[in-house]
């Protein structure tokens, strides 16, 4: 077997990526959690403010295939720089939208941040696989996802504190929004420069045997088109693609509409709505780390994914039927339980996909999962928002519960074939060339195989 070794730089790469992913997620949620404030400031409807969140989802779907092609063709470093650079550019454009009549400019700036997200969301599993060893890869993926979750958490907490609702003093409101926008722009610019300093394409030595095998493949043997075809012929991956989209799309919808749900039953509680969102995401961050550690220890991908899915369904049911009891403390508790499982599911889906699709690109499988999540997120946000406005928050949440139940069934049907784990363990013969699923097997002399350790 080739020599494998862990690089000390891997921790810096993970930290910088998590930080600029944090800023991107913060910019996604900062409008939604202050939907009433920004609707009043720009003089637009709640639906137009919701589009400042949904533009993230809309931009992702058509751009994900070009972005994953770029990741495979030009590498990790360029993709990371694009994500961090566009993130900073969008933040600075927002600084020019500090006037009531400038909604189109703030929408355009948010669209730039949405494009940056395309180069960010698919990287956690790629960074984990390329830089981290087999006993820490799931935890590293969870930490990379954690940065995005932490950004959402700060986005729930900080904007209501920085920008209190002052409808009678628009100048003060513009000043407070400016503090938030300029602070974000400065931080995102610093992180862009750090990305240029810290990121490298890959470590000098591969961190695992599965990576060593992939690095010995001649580049001309790789076909991005064939990789996509292989993924869509992989039935377990298709089932995961749909179930992941349902769960994550439901989380996006709940996050986008949380402010409206809370203030419907608790008038004037915008700050507590942000705190409830913070509780939801922080609990999810804890869930992500626990799930990552658990996967590294047990490798029980399907069982863990299914259990977390079922508990998310139960958590959403409880949240739905206790939201209107009149006690905010109950909403804090049920929101925390819901977040622990719904947000904790995100790295599980990434890592499960990498396992059942190896040796296909981690960035491509993760990108397709995120595209599915964006599509479901757009539909769920529009439908749940309509049901919440026309009927009640309960009607919108019941709609999500029905879909998550469908996701449980699909997850139960996934066949667990842990290809990457088997290669690292040396217990499986595997053709690592990205050839069509129905292609004839090549002679062993020209096909790289991992022989059984036995």
Protein backbone atom coordinates (compact mmCIF):
# COMPACT_ATOMS: atom_id res chain seq x y z
CA UNK A 1 0.00 0.00 0.00
CA UNK A 2 1.20 3.56 -0.67
CA UNK A 3 2.31 5.74 2.20
CA UNK A 4 -0.45 7.78 3.87
CA UNK A 5 0.15 10.68 6.23
CA UNK A 6 -1.93 13.44 7.85
CA UNK A 7 -1.03 17.06 7.12
CA UNK A 8 -1.04 19.68 9.87
CA UNK A 9 -2.37 22.21 7.34
CA UNK A 10 -5.67 20.31 7.22
CA UNK A 11 -6.92 22.03 10.38
CA UNK A 12 -6.22 25.51 8.95
CA UNK A 13 -7.97 24.61 5.67
CA UNK A 14 -11.00 23.37 7.60
CA UNK A 15 -11.08 26.44 9.86
CA UNK A 16 -10.88 29.00 7.01
CA UNK A 17 -13.50 27.20 4.96
CA UNK A 18 -15.85 26.98 7.94
CA UNK A 19 -15.45 30.72 8.58
CA UNK A 20 -16.26 31.96 5.08
CA UNK A 21 -19.10 29.42 4.85
CA UNK A 22 -20.34 30.97 8.11
CA UNK A 23 -20.42 34.46 6.58
CA UNK A 24 -22.27 33.20 3.52
CA UNK A 25 -24.97 31.56 5.65
CA UNK A 26 -25.23 34.70 7.77
CA UNK A 27 -25.93 36.72 4.64
CA UNK A 28 -28.60 34.22 3.60
CA UNK A 29 -30.72 34.51 6.75
CA UNK A 30 -30.10 38.15 7.78
CA UNK A 31 -33.08 39.43 5.77
CA UNK A 32 -35.59 36.73 6.68
CA UNK A 33 -35.18 37.03 10.43
CA UNK A 34 -35.93 40.78 10.06
CA UNK A 35 -38.60 40.36 7.40
CA UNK A 36 -40.94 42.94 8.96
CA UNK A 37 -38.08 45.45 9.39
CA UNK A 38 -36.77 45.15 5.80
CA UNK A 39 -40.29 45.09 4.35
CA UNK A 40 -40.91 48.44 6.04
CA UNK A 41 -37.48 49.85 5.16
CA UNK A 42 -37.63 49.04 1.44
CA UNK A 43 -41.41 49.49 1.19
CA UNK A 44 -41.97 46.03 -0.30
CA UNK A 45 -44.12 42.99 0.52
CA UNK A 46 -43.18 40.02 2.71
CA UNK A 47 -43.06 37.88 -0.43
CA UNK A 48 -40.35 40.14 -1.89
CA UNK A 49 -38.35 39.81 1.33
CA UNK A 50 -38.80 36.02 1.18
CA UNK A 51 -37.18 36.15 -2.28
CA UNK A 52 -34.01 37.51 -0.67
CA UNK A 53 -33.74 34.07 0.93
CA UNK A 54 -35.11 32.03 -1.96
CA UNK A 55 -32.64 33.56 -4.44
CA UNK A 56 -30.03 31.33 -2.77
CA UNK A 57 -32.11 28.32 -3.73
CA UNK A 58 -32.97 29.56 -7.23
CA UNK A 59 -29.34 30.33 -8.13
CA UNK A 60 -28.06 26.97 -6.94
CA UNK A 61 -30.05 24.69 -9.23
CA UNK A 62 -28.85 25.91 -12.70
CA UNK A 63 -25.30 26.60 -11.53
CA UNK A 64 -24.49 23.42 -9.62
CA UNK A 65 -23.36 21.34 -12.61
CA UNK A 66 -20.96 24.05 -13.91
CA UNK A 67 -19.67 24.51 -10.35
CA UNK A 68 -19.01 20.81 -9.78
CA UNK A 69 -17.38 20.57 -13.20
CA UNK A 70 -15.10 23.45 -12.21
CA UNK A 71 -14.26 21.70 -8.94
CA UNK A 72 -13.28 18.53 -10.78
CA UNK A 73 -11.52 20.25 -13.70
CA UNK A 74 -9.76 23.15 -11.96
CA UNK A 75 -9.55 21.91 -8.41
CA UNK A 76 -10.31 22.73 -4.82
CA UNK A 77 -8.21 25.91 -4.46
CA UNK A 78 -9.81 27.85 -7.34
CA UNK A 79 -13.31 26.81 -6.26
CA UNK A 80 -12.63 27.95 -2.70
CA UNK A 81 -11.29 31.31 -3.90
CA UNK A 82 -14.36 31.87 -6.07
CA UNK A 83 -16.67 31.13 -3.16
CA UNK A 84 -14.85 33.44 -0.75
CA UNK A 85 -14.37 36.20 -3.36
CA UNK A 86 -17.99 36.34 -4.52
CA UNK A 87 -19.07 36.27 -0.89
CA UNK A 88 -17.05 39.43 -0.22
CA UNK A 89 -18.23 41.11 -3.43
CA UNK A 90 -21.89 40.56 -2.55
CA UNK A 91 -21.32 41.93 0.95
CA UNK A 92 -19.81 45.16 -0.41
CA UNK A 93 -22.65 45.60 -2.93
CA UNK A 94 -25.13 45.47 -0.04
CA UNK A 95 -23.40 48.49 1.47
CA UNK A 96 -24.66 50.49 -1.52
CA UNK A 97 -28.29 49.55 -0.86
CA UNK A 98 -28.77 51.57 2.33
CA UNK A 99 -31.78 53.57 1.14
CA UNK A 100 -35.50 52.72 1.05
CA UNK A 101 -35.76 52.77 -2.76
CA UNK A 102 -32.83 50.41 -3.35
CA UNK A 103 -34.48 47.01 -3.00
CA UNK A 104 -33.35 45.95 -6.54
CA UNK A 105 -29.71 46.59 -5.58
CA UNK A 106 -29.93 44.59 -2.37
CA UNK A 107 -31.60 41.76 -4.35
CA UNK A 108 -28.74 41.87 -6.90
CA UNK A 109 -26.17 41.80 -4.08
CA UNK A 110 -27.92 38.83 -2.50
CA UNK A 111 -27.87 37.10 -5.88
CA UNK A 112 -24.05 37.46 -5.95
CA UNK A 113 -23.89 35.88 -2.48
CA UNK A 114 -26.18 33.14 -3.78
CA UNK A 115 -23.71 32.37 -6.58
CA UNK A 116 -20.92 32.25 -3.98
CA UNK A 117 -22.95 29.64 -2.12
CA UNK A 118 -22.79 27.36 -5.17
CA UNK A 119 -19.01 27.16 -4.73
CA UNK A 120 -19.32 26.58 -0.97
CA UNK A 121 -22.03 24.04 -0.14
CA UNK A 122 -20.51 21.15 -2.07
CA UNK A 123 -17.04 21.39 -0.49
CA UNK A 124 -17.41 19.87 3.02
CA UNK A 125 -17.22 16.23 1.90
CA UNK A 126 -14.44 17.03 -0.65
CA UNK A 127 -12.32 18.82 1.97
CA UNK A 128 -12.90 16.02 4.47
CA UNK A 129 -11.99 13.27 2.01
CA UNK A 130 -8.92 14.99 0.50
CA UNK A 131 -7.40 16.27 3.75
CA UNK A 132 -8.55 13.95 6.59
CA UNK A 133 -7.96 10.32 7.53
CA UNK A 134 -10.60 7.56 7.67
CA UNK A 135 -11.04 7.81 11.46
CA UNK A 136 -11.79 11.55 11.33
CA UNK A 137 -13.37 12.11 7.92
CA UNK A 138 -17.01 12.17 9.08
CA UNK A 139 -16.19 14.46 11.99
CA UNK A 140 -14.29 16.80 9.63
CA UNK A 141 -17.29 16.88 7.28
CA UNK A 142 -19.55 17.67 10.24
CA UNK A 143 -17.26 20.54 11.31
CA UNK A 144 -17.24 21.91 7.75
CA UNK A 145 -21.05 21.83 7.69
CA UNK A 146 -20.99 23.29 11.20
CA UNK A 147 -19.56 26.56 9.88
CA UNK A 148 -22.61 27.06 7.69
CA UNK A 149 -24.93 26.22 10.56
CA UNK A 150 -23.10 28.59 12.89
CA UNK A 151 -23.53 31.35 10.33
CA UNK A 152 -27.27 30.70 10.30
CA UNK A 153 -27.27 30.75 14.10
CA UNK A 154 -25.48 34.11 14.22
CA UNK A 155 -27.86 35.30 11.50
CA UNK A 156 -30.77 34.51 13.80
CA UNK A 157 -29.18 36.16 16.84
CA UNK A 158 -27.23 39.23 15.70
CA UNK A 159 -29.45 41.10 13.19
CA UNK A 160 -32.41 41.60 15.61
CA UNK A 161 -29.94 43.05 18.13
CA UNK A 162 -28.12 45.29 15.62
CA UNK A 163 -31.26 46.42 13.78
CA UNK A 164 -34.20 46.99 16.17
CA UNK A 165 -37.50 47.85 14.53
CA UNK A 166 -37.70 51.67 14.42
CA UNK A 167 -40.45 52.35 11.84
CA UNK A 168 -40.71 56.01 12.89
CA UNK A 169 -37.00 56.73 12.32
CA UNK A 170 -35.87 55.47 8.91
CA UNK A 171 -32.48 57.24 9.20
CA UNK A 172 -31.68 55.35 12.40
CA UNK A 173 -32.81 52.12 10.76
CA UNK A 174 -30.50 52.78 7.78
CA UNK A 175 -27.60 53.52 10.16
CA UNK A 176 -28.16 50.23 12.04
CA UNK A 177 -28.45 48.23 8.83
CA UNK A 178 -25.23 49.90 7.62
CA UNK A 179 -23.35 48.68 10.70
CA UNK A 180 -24.42 45.13 9.90
CA UNK A 181 -23.62 45.38 6.17
CA UNK A 182 -20.20 47.04 6.53
CA UNK A 183 -19.13 44.70 9.32
CA UNK A 184 -20.02 41.69 7.15
CA UNK A 185 -18.13 43.11 4.17
CA UNK A 186 -14.93 43.68 6.16
CA UNK A 187 -14.96 40.19 7.68
CA UNK A 188 -15.68 38.48 4.35
CA UNK A 189 -12.84 40.37 2.65
CA UNK A 190 -10.37 39.28 5.34
CA UNK A 191 -11.48 35.67 4.90
CA UNK A 192 -10.98 35.91 1.13
CA UNK A 193 -7.31 36.81 1.65
CA UNK A 194 -6.90 34.04 4.24
CA UNK A 195 -8.32 31.56 1.73
CA UNK A 196 -5.63 32.54 -0.76
CA UNK A 197 -2.92 31.99 1.85
CA UNK A 198 -4.13 28.75 3.44
CA UNK A 199 -5.78 26.68 0.71
CA UNK A 200 -3.77 24.20 -1.32
CA UNK A 201 -5.07 21.70 -3.86
CA UNK A 202 -4.23 18.66 -1.72
CA UNK A 203 -1.69 17.58 0.92
CA UNK A 204 1.70 16.21 -0.06
CA UNK A 205 0.75 12.69 1.07
CA UNK A 206 -2.76 11.19 0.78
CA UNK A 207 -4.52 10.89 4.16
CA UNK A 208 -6.20 7.54 3.42
CA UNK A 209 -5.89 4.49 1.17
CA UNK A 210 -9.09 5.41 -0.68
CA UNK A 211 -7.55 8.79 -1.58
CA UNK A 212 -4.24 7.16 -2.53
CA UNK A 213 -6.10 4.93 -4.98
CA UNK A 214 -7.91 7.87 -6.57
CA UNK A 215 -4.71 9.91 -6.89
CA UNK A 216 -3.03 7.14 -8.90
CA UNK A 217 -5.68 7.38 -11.63
CA UNK A 218 -4.48 9.12 -14.81
CA UNK A 219 -6.46 12.36 -15.24
CA UNK A 220 -7.38 11.41 -18.81
CA UNK A 221 -9.33 8.42 -17.47
CA UNK A 222 -11.81 10.72 -15.72
CA UNK A 223 -15.02 11.81 -17.45
CA UNK A 224 -17.29 14.32 -15.71
CA UNK A 225 -20.20 13.36 -17.98
CA UNK A 226 -19.72 9.67 -17.24
CA UNK A 227 -19.52 10.39 -13.52
CA UNK A 228 -22.93 12.12 -13.65
CA UNK A 229 -24.37 9.17 -15.59
CA UNK A 230 -22.99 6.71 -13.04
CA UNK A 231 -24.54 8.66 -10.17
CA UNK A 232 -27.97 8.68 -11.80
CA UNK A 233 -27.74 4.93 -12.42
CA UNK A 234 -27.02 4.38 -8.72
CA UNK A 235 -30.47 3.59 -7.24
CA UNK A 236 -29.43 3.98 -3.56
CA UNK A 237 -28.03 7.43 -4.40
CA UNK A 238 -31.26 8.46 -6.17
CA UNK A 239 -33.28 7.47 -3.09
CA UNK A 240 -30.89 9.46 -0.90
CA UNK A 241 -31.03 12.38 -3.35
CA UNK A 242 -34.80 12.68 -2.91
CA UNK A 243 -34.90 12.03 0.84
CA UNK A 244 -32.05 14.50 1.49
CA UNK A 245 -33.85 17.12 -0.59
CA UNK A 246 -37.04 16.67 1.41
CA UNK A 247 -35.37 16.99 4.82
CA UNK A 248 -33.04 19.87 3.98
CA UNK A 249 -35.68 21.69 1.94
CA UNK A 250 -38.00 21.49 4.95
CA UNK A 251 -35.26 22.98 7.13
CA UNK A 252 -34.74 25.84 4.66
CA UNK A 253 -38.48 26.53 4.63
CA UNK A 254 -38.80 26.52 8.42
CA UNK A 255 -35.77 28.82 8.74
CA UNK A 256 -37.10 31.27 6.14
CA UNK A 257 -40.60 31.47 7.64
CA UNK A 258 -39.69 31.22 11.33
CA UNK A 259 -40.10 34.95 11.95
CA UNK A 260 -43.59 34.93 10.45
CA UNK A 261 -44.61 31.82 12.40
CA UNK A 262 -43.45 33.26 15.72
CA UNK A 263 -44.87 36.78 15.35
CA UNK A 264 -48.23 35.35 14.22
CA UNK A 265 -48.74 33.87 17.69
CA UNK A 266 -46.42 36.16 19.70
CA UNK A 267 -46.84 39.74 18.45
CA UNK A 268 -43.80 42.01 18.93
CA UNK A 269 -41.42 39.14 19.72
CA UNK A 270 -39.00 39.63 16.83
CA UNK A 271 -35.95 39.39 19.09
CA UNK A 272 -37.19 36.15 20.65
CA UNK A 273 -37.94 34.82 17.16
CA UNK A 274 -34.25 35.31 16.41
CA UNK A 275 -33.30 33.60 19.66
CA UNK A 276 -35.54 30.65 18.86
CA UNK A 277 -33.85 30.39 15.46
CA UNK A 278 -30.50 30.50 17.23
CA UNK A 279 -31.61 27.72 19.58
CA UNK A 280 -32.73 25.62 16.62
CA UNK A 281 -29.41 25.94 14.80
CA UNK A 282 -27.10 25.66 17.83
CA UNK A 283 -28.87 22.46 18.82
CA UNK A 284 -28.36 21.28 15.26
CA UNK A 285 -24.65 22.08 15.47
CA UNK A 286 -24.38 19.84 18.51
CA UNK A 287 -26.32 17.16 16.63
CA UNK A 288 -23.97 17.43 13.64
CA UNK A 289 -20.83 16.92 15.72
CA UNK A 290 -22.36 14.01 17.65
CA UNK A 291 -23.49 12.35 14.43
CA UNK A 292 -20.05 12.87 12.83
CA UNK A 293 -18.25 11.35 15.80
CA UNK A 294 -20.75 8.49 15.88
CA UNK A 295 -20.21 7.71 12.19
CA UNK A 296 -16.42 7.70 12.56
CA UNK A 297 -16.77 5.29 15.48
CA UNK A 298 -19.47 2.92 14.18
CA UNK A 299 -19.76 3.41 10.37
CA UNK A 300 -23.52 2.76 10.76
CA UNK A 301 -24.52 5.21 8.03
CA UNK A 302 -27.97 3.95 7.06
CA UNK A 303 -29.14 3.15 10.59
CA UNK A 304 -28.07 6.55 11.93
CA UNK A 305 -29.58 8.40 8.97
CA UNK A 306 -32.93 6.60 9.33
CA UNK A 307 -33.15 7.14 13.10
CA UNK A 308 -32.35 10.86 12.78
CA UNK A 309 -34.96 11.16 10.01
CA UNK A 310 -37.68 9.57 12.18
CA UNK A 311 -36.80 11.75 15.17
CA UNK A 312 -36.91 14.86 12.95
CA UNK A 313 -40.44 13.91 11.90
CA UNK A 314 -41.50 13.52 15.53
CA UNK A 315 -39.79 16.80 16.46
CA UNK A 316 -41.63 18.73 13.73
CA UNK A 317 -44.97 17.25 14.82
CA UNK A 318 -44.38 18.33 18.42
CA UNK A 319 -43.21 21.81 17.32
CA UNK A 320 -46.31 22.20 15.12
CA UNK A 321 -48.89 21.35 17.78
CA UNK A 322 -47.26 23.30 20.62
CA UNK A 323 -46.48 26.51 18.70
CA UNK A 324 -49.75 28.23 19.63
CA UNK A 325 -49.90 27.30 23.32
CA UNK A 326 -48.88 30.83 24.33
CA UNK A 327 -45.66 29.87 26.14
CA UNK A 328 -42.43 30.97 24.45
CA UNK A 329 -40.35 28.66 26.63
CA UNK A 330 -42.16 25.69 25.06
CA UNK A 331 -41.28 26.99 21.58
CA UNK A 332 -37.63 27.33 22.63
CA UNK A 333 -37.54 23.70 23.80
CA UNK A 334 -39.39 22.19 20.84
CA UNK A 335 -37.39 24.32 18.39
CA UNK A 336 -34.15 23.09 19.98
CA UNK A 337 -35.22 19.44 19.69
CA UNK A 338 -36.29 19.98 16.07
CA UNK A 339 -33.00 21.68 15.20
CA UNK A 340 -30.91 18.98 16.88
CA UNK A 341 -32.21 16.35 14.48
CA UNK A 342 -33.07 18.30 11.30
CA UNK A 343 -29.78 20.20 11.16
CA UNK A 344 -27.81 17.25 12.51
CA UNK A 345 -28.97 15.30 9.45
CA UNK A 346 -27.02 17.47 6.97
CA UNK A 347 -23.52 15.93 7.34
CA UNK A 348 -25.07 12.45 7.55
CA UNK A 349 -26.45 12.83 4.04
CA UNK A 350 -23.13 14.07 2.65
CA UNK A 351 -21.09 11.25 4.14
CA UNK A 352 -23.62 8.54 3.30
CA UNK A 353 -23.59 9.74 -0.33
CA UNK A 354 -19.78 9.60 -0.52
CA UNK A 355 -19.81 6.05 0.84
CA UNK A 356 -22.38 4.65 -1.60
CA UNK A 357 -21.01 6.49 -4.67
CA UNK A 358 -17.21 6.02 -4.25
CA UNK A 359 -15.10 6.45 -6.39
CA UNK A 360 -17.21 9.22 -7.96
CA UNK A 361 -16.32 12.80 -7.03
CA UNK A 362 -17.42 13.90 -3.56
CA UNK A 363 -18.09 17.39 -4.87
CA UNK A 364 -20.46 16.11 -7.55
CA UNK A 365 -22.51 13.90 -5.22
CA UNK A 366 -22.69 16.66 -2.60
CA UNK A 367 -23.59 19.24 -5.23
CA UNK A 368 -26.48 17.12 -6.50
CA UNK A 369 -27.73 16.62 -2.94
CA UNK A 370 -27.70 20.37 -2.41
CA UNK A 371 -29.45 21.00 -5.73
CA UNK A 372 -32.22 18.65 -4.63
CA UNK A 373 -32.43 20.52 -1.32
CA UNK A 374 -32.71 23.87 -3.11
CA UNK A 375 -35.51 22.64 -5.39
CA UNK A 376 -37.49 21.23 -2.50
CA UNK A 377 -36.67 24.34 -0.45
CA UNK A 378 -38.13 26.67 -3.08
CA UNK A 379 -41.34 24.63 -3.41
CA UNK A 380 -41.72 24.14 0.33
CA UNK A 381 -41.10 27.82 1.13
CA UNK A 382 -43.65 29.00 -1.44
CA UNK A 383 -46.32 26.48 -0.42
CA UNK A 384 -45.73 26.73 3.32
CA UNK A 385 -45.64 30.52 3.10
CA UNK A 386 -48.98 30.52 1.25
CA UNK A 387 -50.55 28.13 3.76
CA UNK A 388 -49.17 30.16 6.69
CA UNK A 389 -50.53 33.43 5.29
CA UNK A 390 -53.93 32.14 4.16
CA UNK A 391 -54.62 29.70 7.01
CA UNK A 392 -52.14 29.34 9.88
CA UNK A 393 -48.57 28.26 10.67
CA UNK A 394 -49.98 24.87 11.70
CA UNK A 395 -51.29 24.21 8.18
CA UNK A 396 -47.87 24.96 6.67
CA UNK A 397 -46.04 22.75 9.15
CA UNK A 398 -48.44 19.81 8.62
CA UNK A 399 -47.64 20.07 4.91
CA UNK A 400 -43.95 19.61 5.74
CA UNK A 401 -44.67 16.72 8.11
CA UNK A 402 -46.39 14.80 5.33
CA UNK A 403 -43.37 15.15 3.07
CA UNK A 404 -40.89 14.17 5.77
CA UNK A 405 -42.91 10.98 6.33
CA UNK A 406 -42.36 10.18 2.63
CA UNK A 407 -38.64 10.78 3.20
CA UNK A 408 -38.59 8.21 6.01
CA UNK A 409 -39.94 5.55 3.65
CA UNK A 410 -37.38 6.39 0.95
CA UNK A 411 -34.50 6.31 3.46
CA UNK A 412 -35.58 2.87 4.66
CA UNK A 413 -35.33 1.57 1.07
CA UNK A 414 -31.66 2.65 0.59
CA UNK A 415 -29.23 -0.24 0.25
CA UNK A 416 -26.18 0.45 2.40
CA UNK A 417 -23.05 -0.31 0.33
CA UNK A 418 -20.10 1.32 2.10
CA UNK A 419 -17.62 1.33 -0.78
CA UNK A 420 -15.12 3.86 0.56
CA UNK A 421 -15.02 2.22 3.99
CA UNK A 422 -14.44 -1.19 2.42
CA UNK A 423 -11.52 0.12 0.36
CA UNK A 424 -9.93 1.73 3.42
CA UNK A 425 -10.41 -1.53 5.31
CA UNK A 426 -8.86 -3.60 2.50
CA UNK A 427 -11.78 -6.03 2.40
CA UNK A 428 -13.10 -5.41 -1.09
CA UNK A 429 -11.99 -5.59 -4.72
CA UNK A 430 -13.06 -2.37 -6.43
CA UNK A 431 -12.55 -1.01 -9.90
CA UNK A 432 -11.88 2.65 -9.20
CA UNK A 433 -12.17 3.89 -12.76
CA UNK A 434 -15.27 5.96 -13.42
CA UNK A 435 -16.55 3.66 -16.19
CA UNK A 436 -20.20 3.11 -17.09
CA UNK A 437 -22.04 0.81 -14.72
CA UNK A 438 -22.87 -1.64 -17.52
CA UNK A 439 -19.41 -1.58 -19.17
CA UNK A 440 -17.41 -4.82 -19.41
CA UNK A 441 -14.70 -5.26 -16.80
CA UNK A 442 -11.22 -4.43 -18.07
CA UNK A 443 -8.33 -6.86 -17.73
CA UNK A 444 -6.86 -6.79 -14.27
CA UNK A 445 -3.45 -5.74 -15.58
CA UNK A 446 -4.87 -2.41 -16.76
CA UNK A 447 -7.34 -1.77 -13.94
CA UNK A 448 -6.21 -0.62 -10.52
CA UNK A 449 -7.72 -2.82 -7.81
CA UNK A 450 -7.42 -2.92 -4.09
CA UNK A 451 -6.72 -6.50 -3.15
CA UNK A 452 -8.14 -8.10 -0.05
CA UNK A 453 -5.86 -7.92 2.97
CA UNK A 454 -6.83 -11.48 3.64
